[in-house]
């Protein structure tokens, strides 16, 4: 969705020595009628510069009056980068996979009309005070638990864990064989994805409306369900099943660590299937849902992650036209399915027949969850009224690192998050 997610640059400049890339918009060419817009994207091993360039060109070929200046986030936290650009009056005209929280309330985002949303399966998903600012284009399961079948066999594990106790037993066997049980890193799309599995089974399974209740003051982070989830993550680190040193790894390095066989279990969004299907690893990869205590099926998922448009874009009509055309282009949708493992949430869309085996396996897990009515939210990846208050998501991410590193215990994290929530609520 990563949670992940979706030509030439005329004015890319460095904001600082850290390599933050920004883009200035030039005056439109009035003689040709060309309208220029900026488009914030992010790159991963699956979503390469060539991927984005080709996707953009497919749209501009159909709309030659639009010229796109691509802006690339320096890391996976494109929401943070969008905030930096806004603070320097360089807010992009179009963005992909940026959280609307905070931006929408401040009037920075364009609100899509019901007519513009008519082609999407879940047109009201991610609404902020009843208005939709991010195209609800993709459904992602966050996480699927990917595992190295060879390392499981080496440790004498003969079946996929069905309960959380089974998962702990598998981790113990792996560690006893000198195999790192879990692979993760410190950023949102690593450790945040990992925790979404735990929170799905311990928090959202019991109360699907937990965030709504938190907004209403009916529940708190320090209540038993969230504290239990936080305790599980801390316990995995204490036992050495999660390596404390790995919180220094970024997204790409974490993915590569799993592909290099440096750990057996990799909780990650279903977008990882694109990498597995395009670059077959040296070992077989299996998939299962994060297991609950009692074995009940729970499938954390999120629908959204699409494009957003600045309400103050100089060429607003061009920005809106580009965003919708980009999102609804059949080839773009097909490529997003293959490269990023996305389950496209557009009416009438079916994945291409040549999707890879790992994509299909993940989709089948999701479909079983839908049939069993086992879909819950992915904590930390929700949007709008269904998500964290502005700024709290980042505090959750840092708290997860603190739990793994031992800087804070679950009680301290719960108290901290409740305090930060109160501040955000004003």
Protein backbone atom coordinates (compact mmCIF):
# COMPACT_ATOMS: atom_id res chain seq x y z
CA UNK A 1 0.00 0.00 0.00
CA UNK A 2 2.38 -0.20 1.17
CA UNK A 3 0.36 0.32 1.82
CA UNK A 4 2.06 1.51 -1.14
CA UNK A 5 0.61 2.90 -4.03
CA UNK A 6 0.97 5.28 -7.69
CA UNK A 7 7.49 13.42 -18.17
CA UNK A 8 10.19 14.84 -17.63
CA UNK A 9 10.81 17.17 -14.71
CA UNK A 10 11.26 20.82 -15.64
CA UNK A 11 12.19 22.22 -12.28
CA UNK A 12 13.48 19.68 -9.79
CA UNK A 13 15.64 21.33 -7.14
CA UNK A 14 17.34 20.14 -3.96
CA UNK A 15 15.79 21.48 -0.78
CA UNK A 16 18.75 20.32 1.30
CA UNK A 17 21.73 18.00 1.43
CA UNK A 18 19.38 15.18 2.37
CA UNK A 19 18.29 15.06 -1.24
CA UNK A 20 14.71 16.21 -0.82
CA UNK A 21 13.38 16.79 -4.32
CA UNK A 22 10.91 19.58 -4.99
CA UNK A 23 9.47 21.02 -8.13
CA UNK A 24 8.37 24.49 -9.14
CA UNK A 25 5.55 25.00 -11.58
CA UNK A 26 6.26 27.24 -14.54
CA UNK A 27 3.71 29.39 -16.29
CA UNK A 28 1.55 27.37 -18.69
CA UNK A 29 2.37 27.77 -22.35
CA UNK A 30 -0.54 29.97 -23.44
CA UNK A 31 0.38 29.70 -27.09
CA UNK A 32 -0.08 25.93 -27.18
CA UNK A 33 -2.70 25.71 -24.45
CA UNK A 34 -0.52 23.32 -22.42
CA UNK A 35 -1.39 23.08 -18.75
CA UNK A 36 1.43 22.06 -16.41
CA UNK A 37 0.94 20.13 -13.19
CA UNK A 38 3.24 18.55 -10.61
CA UNK A 39 2.76 14.92 -9.56
CA UNK A 40 4.24 13.49 -6.35
CA UNK A 41 5.16 9.81 -6.59
CA UNK A 42 7.33 7.43 -4.57
CA UNK A 43 9.71 4.76 -5.75
CA UNK A 44 10.19 1.20 -4.52
CA UNK A 45 11.97 -1.81 -5.96
CA UNK A 46 8.66 -2.58 -7.71
CA UNK A 47 7.65 0.99 -8.65
CA UNK A 48 10.69 2.15 -10.56
CA UNK A 49 11.25 5.49 -12.34
CA UNK A 50 10.46 3.74 -15.64
CA UNK A 51 7.17 2.46 -14.17
CA UNK A 52 6.01 5.95 -13.24
CA UNK A 53 7.22 7.54 -16.48
CA UNK A 54 5.33 5.03 -18.59
CA UNK A 55 2.16 5.37 -16.51
CA UNK A 56 2.26 9.15 -16.80
CA UNK A 57 2.90 9.02 -20.54
CA UNK A 58 -0.13 6.79 -21.12
CA UNK A 59 -2.30 9.56 -19.72
CA UNK A 60 -0.59 12.52 -21.35
CA UNK A 61 -0.71 10.75 -24.72
CA UNK A 62 -4.50 10.80 -24.37
CA UNK A 63 -4.49 14.34 -22.97
CA UNK A 64 -1.71 16.13 -24.87
CA UNK A 65 -2.73 19.46 -23.37
CA UNK A 66 -1.41 18.35 -19.97
CA UNK A 67 2.29 18.39 -19.12
CA UNK A 68 3.39 16.57 -15.96
CA UNK A 69 6.42 17.45 -13.84
CA UNK A 70 7.20 14.40 -11.71
CA UNK A 71 8.26 14.93 -8.09
CA UNK A 72 9.79 11.97 -6.24
CA UNK A 73 9.54 11.51 -2.48
CA UNK A 74 13.01 10.90 -1.01
CA UNK A 75 11.69 7.96 1.04
CA UNK A 76 8.55 5.93 1.70
CA UNK A 77 6.99 8.60 3.92
CA UNK A 78 5.37 10.58 1.13
CA UNK A 79 2.86 12.13 3.56
CA UNK A 80 5.67 13.71 5.57
CA UNK A 81 7.29 14.90 2.36
CA UNK A 82 4.02 16.42 1.15
CA UNK A 83 3.88 18.36 4.42
CA UNK A 84 7.41 19.63 3.83
CA UNK A 85 6.51 20.75 0.33
CA UNK A 86 3.38 22.48 1.60
CA UNK A 87 5.44 24.36 4.19
CA UNK A 88 7.63 25.74 1.39
CA UNK A 89 4.70 26.65 -0.88
CA UNK A 90 5.52 23.77 -3.23
CA UNK A 91 2.53 21.54 -2.49
CA UNK A 92 2.11 19.17 -5.48
CA UNK A 93 -0.91 19.49 -7.73
CA UNK A 94 -1.45 15.72 -7.73
CA UNK A 95 -0.23 13.10 -5.21
CA UNK A 96 -0.51 9.35 -4.83
CA UNK A 97 -0.81 7.32 -1.62
CA UNK A 98 -0.61 10.37 0.67
CA UNK A 99 -2.83 10.41 3.74
CA UNK A 100 -5.49 13.13 3.42
CA UNK A 101 -5.65 13.63 7.21
CA UNK A 102 -4.74 17.18 8.14
CA UNK A 103 -4.53 18.36 4.54
CA UNK A 104 -8.27 17.92 4.00
CA UNK A 105 -9.27 19.66 7.21
CA UNK A 106 -7.01 22.59 6.30
CA UNK A 107 -8.72 23.04 2.93
CA UNK A 108 -5.67 21.95 0.92
CA UNK A 109 -7.35 19.10 -1.00
CA UNK A 110 -9.98 18.98 -3.72
CA UNK A 111 -13.17 17.09 -2.72
CA UNK A 112 -14.28 14.64 -5.41
CA UNK A 113 -17.90 14.81 -6.53
CA UNK A 114 -20.27 11.80 -6.56
CA UNK A 115 -20.18 11.91 -10.36
CA UNK A 116 -16.37 11.70 -10.37
CA UNK A 117 -16.53 8.77 -7.94
CA UNK A 118 -19.17 6.77 -9.80
CA UNK A 119 -16.69 4.25 -11.24
CA UNK A 120 -15.28 3.20 -7.85
CA UNK A 121 -16.62 0.23 -5.87
CA UNK A 122 -16.40 1.98 -2.48
CA UNK A 123 -16.99 5.66 -3.37
CA UNK A 124 -17.34 6.88 0.22
CA UNK A 125 -14.30 5.10 1.65
CA UNK A 126 -11.86 7.36 3.48
CA UNK A 127 -14.29 10.25 3.72
CA UNK A 128 -13.32 13.20 5.91
CA UNK A 129 -16.43 14.71 7.45
CA UNK A 130 -18.46 13.13 4.68
CA UNK A 131 -16.31 14.32 1.76
CA UNK A 132 -13.88 12.14 -0.22
CA UNK A 133 -10.47 13.65 -1.01
CA UNK A 134 -8.54 10.54 -2.07
CA UNK A 135 -9.70 8.33 -4.91
CA UNK A 136 -10.63 4.96 -3.33
CA UNK A 137 -8.88 3.04 -6.08
CA UNK A 138 -7.24 0.03 -4.50
CA UNK A 139 -7.88 -2.57 -1.85
CA UNK A 140 -4.82 -3.89 -0.04
CA UNK A 141 -4.51 -6.56 2.60
CA UNK A 142 -2.15 -5.24 5.28
CA UNK A 143 -0.57 -7.57 6.17
CA UNK A 144 -0.30 -10.92 4.49
CA UNK A 145 2.27 -13.08 6.24
CA UNK A 146 4.83 -14.27 3.69
CA UNK A 147 7.19 -17.05 4.74
CA UNK A 148 10.22 -18.89 3.46
CA UNK A 149 9.15 -22.51 2.96
CA UNK A 150 12.72 -23.80 2.96
CA UNK A 151 13.52 -22.20 6.31
CA UNK A 152 10.28 -23.54 7.75
CA UNK A 153 11.25 -27.03 6.61
CA UNK A 154 14.78 -26.61 7.98
CA UNK A 155 13.26 -25.83 11.38
CA UNK A 156 10.91 -28.81 11.24
CA UNK A 157 7.76 -26.71 10.80
CA UNK A 158 5.35 -28.81 8.75
CA UNK A 159 2.23 -26.63 8.63
CA UNK A 160 1.24 -22.98 8.56
CA UNK A 161 0.37 -21.48 11.97
CA UNK A 162 -3.38 -21.47 12.60
CA UNK A 163 -3.32 -19.69 15.98
CA UNK A 164 -1.04 -17.12 17.57
CA UNK A 165 0.33 -19.84 19.85
CA UNK A 166 1.25 -21.81 16.71
CA UNK A 167 3.07 -18.74 15.39
CA UNK A 168 5.09 -18.44 18.60
CA UNK A 169 5.95 -22.14 18.44
CA UNK A 170 7.16 -21.72 14.86
CA UNK A 171 9.26 -18.70 15.88
CA UNK A 172 10.79 -20.68 18.74
CA UNK A 173 11.73 -23.54 16.41
CA UNK A 174 13.28 -21.16 13.91
CA UNK A 175 15.33 -19.36 16.55
CA UNK A 176 16.53 -22.71 17.95
CA UNK A 177 17.92 -23.51 14.49
CA UNK A 178 19.75 -20.19 14.31
CA UNK A 179 17.21 -18.73 11.88
CA UNK A 180 15.89 -15.19 12.43
CA UNK A 181 12.12 -15.72 12.79
CA UNK A 182 10.74 -12.34 11.66
CA UNK A 183 12.00 -9.86 9.09
CA UNK A 184 11.04 -6.22 9.60
CA UNK A 185 12.38 -2.67 9.57
CA UNK A 186 11.68 0.59 11.33
CA UNK A 187 9.53 2.61 8.93
CA UNK A 188 5.75 2.79 8.58
CA UNK A 189 5.54 0.36 5.66
CA UNK A 190 7.58 -2.20 7.61
CA UNK A 191 6.89 -2.23 11.34
CA UNK A 192 3.54 -0.48 10.82
CA UNK A 193 2.43 -3.28 8.49
CA UNK A 194 3.64 -5.86 11.01
CA UNK A 195 1.63 -4.29 13.84
CA UNK A 196 -1.50 -3.98 11.69
CA UNK A 197 -1.70 -7.77 11.79
CA UNK A 198 -1.54 -7.86 15.58
CA UNK A 199 -4.01 -4.98 15.98
CA UNK A 200 -6.38 -6.59 13.49
CA UNK A 201 -6.72 -9.72 15.59
CA UNK A 202 -6.55 -8.12 19.05
CA UNK A 203 -8.33 -4.78 18.57
CA UNK A 204 -10.44 -4.59 15.41
CA UNK A 205 -11.69 -8.16 15.44
CA UNK A 206 -13.42 -7.53 18.76
CA UNK A 207 -14.47 -3.97 17.90
CA UNK A 208 -14.48 -3.08 14.18
CA UNK A 209 -15.45 0.51 15.11
CA UNK A 210 -12.56 1.00 17.52
CA UNK A 211 -11.28 4.17 15.80
CA UNK A 212 -14.78 5.68 15.72
CA UNK A 213 -15.12 4.87 19.41
CA UNK A 214 -11.69 6.39 20.10
CA UNK A 215 -12.80 9.56 18.35
CA UNK A 216 -15.93 9.55 20.51
CA UNK A 217 -13.90 9.01 23.67
CA UNK A 218 -15.46 5.61 24.34
CA UNK A 219 -12.16 3.68 24.24
CA UNK A 220 -8.51 4.48 24.85
CA UNK A 221 -5.13 3.11 23.87
CA UNK A 222 -4.62 2.16 27.52
CA UNK A 223 -7.64 -0.14 27.45
CA UNK A 224 -6.91 -3.86 27.47
CA UNK A 225 -7.23 -4.68 23.72
CA UNK A 226 -4.63 -2.21 22.43
CA UNK A 227 -2.33 -2.75 25.41
CA UNK A 228 -2.43 -6.48 24.70
CA UNK A 229 -1.46 -5.87 21.06
CA UNK A 230 1.40 -3.60 22.10
CA UNK A 231 2.52 -6.22 24.60
CA UNK A 232 2.67 -8.88 21.89
CA UNK A 233 5.02 -6.78 19.76
CA UNK A 234 7.26 -6.00 22.73
CA UNK A 235 7.30 -9.68 23.70
CA UNK A 236 8.40 -10.75 20.20
CA UNK A 237 11.37 -8.42 20.50
CA UNK A 238 12.20 -9.54 24.05
CA UNK A 239 12.28 -13.15 22.91
CA UNK A 240 14.54 -12.21 19.99
CA UNK A 241 11.97 -13.26 17.41
CA UNK A 242 12.11 -9.67 16.14
CA UNK A 243 15.66 -8.31 15.99
CA UNK A 244 15.87 -4.96 17.79
CA UNK A 245 18.71 -3.80 15.52
CA UNK A 246 16.52 -4.20 12.45
CA UNK A 247 14.49 -1.07 13.24
CA UNK A 248 17.30 0.87 11.56
CA UNK A 249 16.50 -0.77 8.21
CA UNK A 250 14.50 1.04 5.55
CA UNK A 251 11.80 -0.47 3.35
CA UNK A 252 14.00 -1.62 0.47
CA UNK A 253 16.64 -3.14 2.75
CA UNK A 254 13.99 -5.02 4.71
CA UNK A 255 12.44 -6.49 1.60
CA UNK A 256 15.86 -7.51 0.33
CA UNK A 257 16.69 -9.15 3.66
CA UNK A 258 13.73 -11.48 3.26
CA UNK A 259 14.55 -12.19 -0.37
CA UNK A 260 18.14 -12.98 0.67
CA UNK A 261 16.90 -15.55 3.16
CA UNK A 262 17.96 -13.57 6.26
CA UNK A 263 14.70 -14.34 8.03
CA UNK A 264 11.74 -16.68 7.70
CA UNK A 265 8.57 -14.64 8.26
CA UNK A 266 7.79 -11.34 6.55
CA UNK A 267 4.48 -9.61 7.36
CA UNK A 268 3.95 -7.24 4.43
CA UNK A 269 1.17 -5.71 2.34
CA UNK A 270 -0.12 -7.71 -0.61
CA UNK A 271 1.81 -5.37 -2.92
CA UNK A 272 4.86 -7.55 -2.20
CA UNK A 273 3.37 -10.14 -4.56
CA UNK A 274 4.43 -7.95 -7.48
CA UNK A 275 8.08 -8.36 -6.52
CA UNK A 276 7.74 -12.10 -5.98
CA UNK A 277 6.05 -12.65 -9.32
CA UNK A 278 8.44 -10.49 -11.31
CA UNK A 279 11.68 -11.65 -9.69
CA UNK A 280 11.30 -15.21 -8.46
CA UNK A 281 13.39 -15.73 -5.30
CA UNK A 282 15.65 -18.73 -4.75
CA UNK A 283 13.11 -20.36 -2.40
CA UNK A 284 9.37 -21.01 -2.38
CA UNK A 285 7.22 -18.43 -0.60
CA UNK A 286 3.99 -19.28 1.19
CA UNK A 287 1.27 -16.98 2.51
CA UNK A 288 -1.16 -16.97 5.42
CA UNK A 289 -3.20 -14.44 7.40
CA UNK A 290 -1.84 -13.17 10.71
CA UNK A 291 -3.27 -15.72 13.18
CA UNK A 292 -5.60 -14.81 16.02
CA UNK A 293 -5.49 -16.34 19.49
CA UNK A 294 -8.43 -18.65 18.82
CA UNK A 295 -7.73 -19.32 15.15
CA UNK A 296 -10.66 -17.22 13.91
CA UNK A 297 -9.98 -15.78 10.45
CA UNK A 298 -9.16 -12.06 10.50
CA UNK A 299 -8.10 -10.20 7.34
CA UNK A 300 -6.96 -6.58 7.84
CA UNK A 301 -7.50 -4.58 4.66
CA UNK A 302 -7.72 -1.00 3.43
CA UNK A 303 -9.40 0.51 0.39
CA UNK A 304 -7.99 3.85 -0.77
CA UNK A 305 -4.43 4.77 -1.57
CA UNK A 306 -5.33 6.53 -4.79
CA UNK A 307 -4.62 9.99 -6.15
CA UNK A 308 -5.33 13.29 -4.44
CA UNK A 309 -5.48 16.76 -5.97
CA UNK A 310 -4.55 20.09 -4.44
CA UNK A 311 -7.55 22.37 -4.07
CA UNK A 312 -5.25 25.26 -4.92
CA UNK A 313 -3.65 23.76 -8.01
CA UNK A 314 -3.01 26.50 -10.58
CA UNK A 315 -4.46 24.28 -13.29
CA UNK A 316 -7.09 22.53 -11.21
CA UNK A 317 -9.12 21.15 -14.10
CA UNK A 318 -6.01 19.64 -15.67
CA UNK A 319 -5.01 18.13 -12.31
CA UNK A 320 -8.46 16.57 -11.83
CA UNK A 321 -8.53 15.27 -15.39
CA UNK A 322 -5.08 13.74 -15.06
CA UNK A 323 -5.81 12.10 -11.70
CA UNK A 324 -9.01 10.41 -12.87
CA UNK A 325 -7.52 9.37 -16.20
CA UNK A 326 -4.42 7.97 -14.47
CA UNK A 327 -6.50 5.99 -11.99
CA UNK A 328 -8.97 4.58 -14.53
CA UNK A 329 -6.54 3.74 -17.32
CA UNK A 330 -6.85 -0.02 -17.96
CA UNK A 331 -3.14 -0.55 -18.57
CA UNK A 332 -2.24 1.42 -15.47
CA UNK A 333 -4.65 -0.72 -13.45
CA UNK A 334 -3.25 -3.93 -14.92
CA UNK A 335 0.32 -2.85 -14.21
CA UNK A 336 -0.58 -1.85 -10.66
CA UNK A 337 -1.99 -5.34 -10.16
CA UNK A 338 1.18 -6.95 -11.46
CA UNK A 339 3.88 -4.62 -10.13
CA UNK A 340 2.32 -3.58 -6.84
CA UNK A 341 -0.04 -6.48 -6.14
CA UNK A 342 -3.04 -4.16 -5.82
CA UNK A 343 -6.63 -5.39 -5.79
CA UNK A 344 -8.24 -2.76 -8.00
CA UNK A 345 -11.48 -1.35 -6.54
CA UNK A 346 -12.98 -0.08 -9.80
CA UNK A 347 -16.37 -1.31 -10.99
CA UNK A 348 -16.20 -3.95 -13.67
CA UNK A 349 -12.43 -4.39 -13.43
CA UNK A 350 -10.95 -7.87 -13.47
CA UNK A 351 -7.23 -8.58 -13.06
CA UNK A 352 -5.36 -9.66 -16.19
CA UNK A 353 -5.28 -13.39 -16.80
CA UNK A 354 -1.50 -13.46 -16.59
CA UNK A 355 -1.20 -12.23 -12.99
CA UNK A 356 1.41 -14.17 -11.08
CA UNK A 357 0.89 -17.07 -8.71
CA UNK A 358 1.72 -15.01 -5.61
CA UNK A 359 -0.78 -12.31 -6.58
CA UNK A 360 -3.47 -14.96 -7.03
CA UNK A 361 -2.65 -16.62 -3.71
CA UNK A 362 -2.97 -13.30 -1.89
CA UNK A 363 -6.17 -12.45 -3.72
CA UNK A 364 -7.65 -15.83 -2.77
CA UNK A 365 -6.87 -15.18 0.90
CA UNK A 366 -8.63 -11.83 0.63
CA UNK A 367 -11.63 -13.37 -1.18
CA UNK A 368 -12.00 -15.97 1.58
CA UNK A 369 -11.96 -13.16 4.11
CA UNK A 370 -14.71 -11.34 2.23
CA UNK A 371 -16.80 -14.51 2.04
CA UNK A 372 -16.33 -15.14 5.77
CA UNK A 373 -17.07 -11.49 6.62
CA UNK A 374 -13.66 -11.44 8.29
CA UNK A 375 -12.37 -8.14 6.84
CA UNK A 376 -11.29 -5.55 9.41
CA UNK A 377 -9.39 -2.27 9.16
CA UNK A 378 -5.60 -2.12 9.03
CA UNK A 379 -4.58 0.01 12.00
CA UNK A 380 -2.41 2.92 10.97
CA UNK A 381 -3.44 2.67 7.33
CA UNK A 382 -7.05 3.86 7.58
CA UNK A 383 -7.96 7.21 6.07
CA UNK A 384 -10.27 10.09 6.82
CA UNK A 385 -12.92 9.65 9.47
CA UNK A 386 -11.93 5.96 9.75
CA UNK A 387 -8.32 6.81 10.62
CA UNK A 388 -6.13 8.35 13.29
CA UNK A 389 -6.35 12.04 14.09
CA UNK A 390 -3.79 14.18 12.28
CA UNK A 391 -0.29 13.48 13.58
CA UNK A 392 -1.20 10.48 15.73
CA UNK A 393 -0.32 7.97 13.02
CA UNK A 394 3.29 9.15 13.05
CA UNK A 395 3.32 8.87 16.85
CA UNK A 396 2.05 5.30 16.56
CA UNK A 397 4.88 4.48 14.15
CA UNK A 398 7.54 5.88 16.48
CA UNK A 399 5.94 4.07 19.41
CA UNK A 400 6.23 0.73 17.62
CA UNK A 401 9.96 1.34 17.22
CA UNK A 402 10.13 2.17 20.93
CA UNK A 403 8.39 -1.11 21.80
CA UNK A 404 10.82 -3.16 19.73
CA UNK A 405 13.93 -1.30 20.88
CA UNK A 406 12.83 -1.40 24.52
CA UNK A 407 12.82 2.39 24.88
CA UNK A 408 9.23 2.20 26.16
CA UNK A 409 7.08 -0.55 27.62
CA UNK A 410 3.43 -1.09 26.61
CA UNK A 411 2.08 0.98 29.50
CA UNK A 412 4.30 3.91 28.57
CA UNK A 413 3.35 3.65 24.91
CA UNK A 414 -0.37 3.50 25.70
CA UNK A 415 -0.16 6.56 27.95
CA UNK A 416 1.89 8.43 25.36
CA UNK A 417 -0.57 7.71 22.56
CA UNK A 418 -3.58 8.70 24.66
CA UNK A 419 -1.81 11.96 25.51
CA UNK A 420 -0.96 12.62 21.85
CA UNK A 421 -4.53 11.86 20.84
CA UNK A 422 -5.82 14.37 23.35
CA UNK A 423 -3.45 17.00 21.99
CA UNK A 424 -4.54 16.27 18.41
CA UNK A 425 -8.19 16.51 19.43
CA UNK A 426 -7.51 20.03 20.72
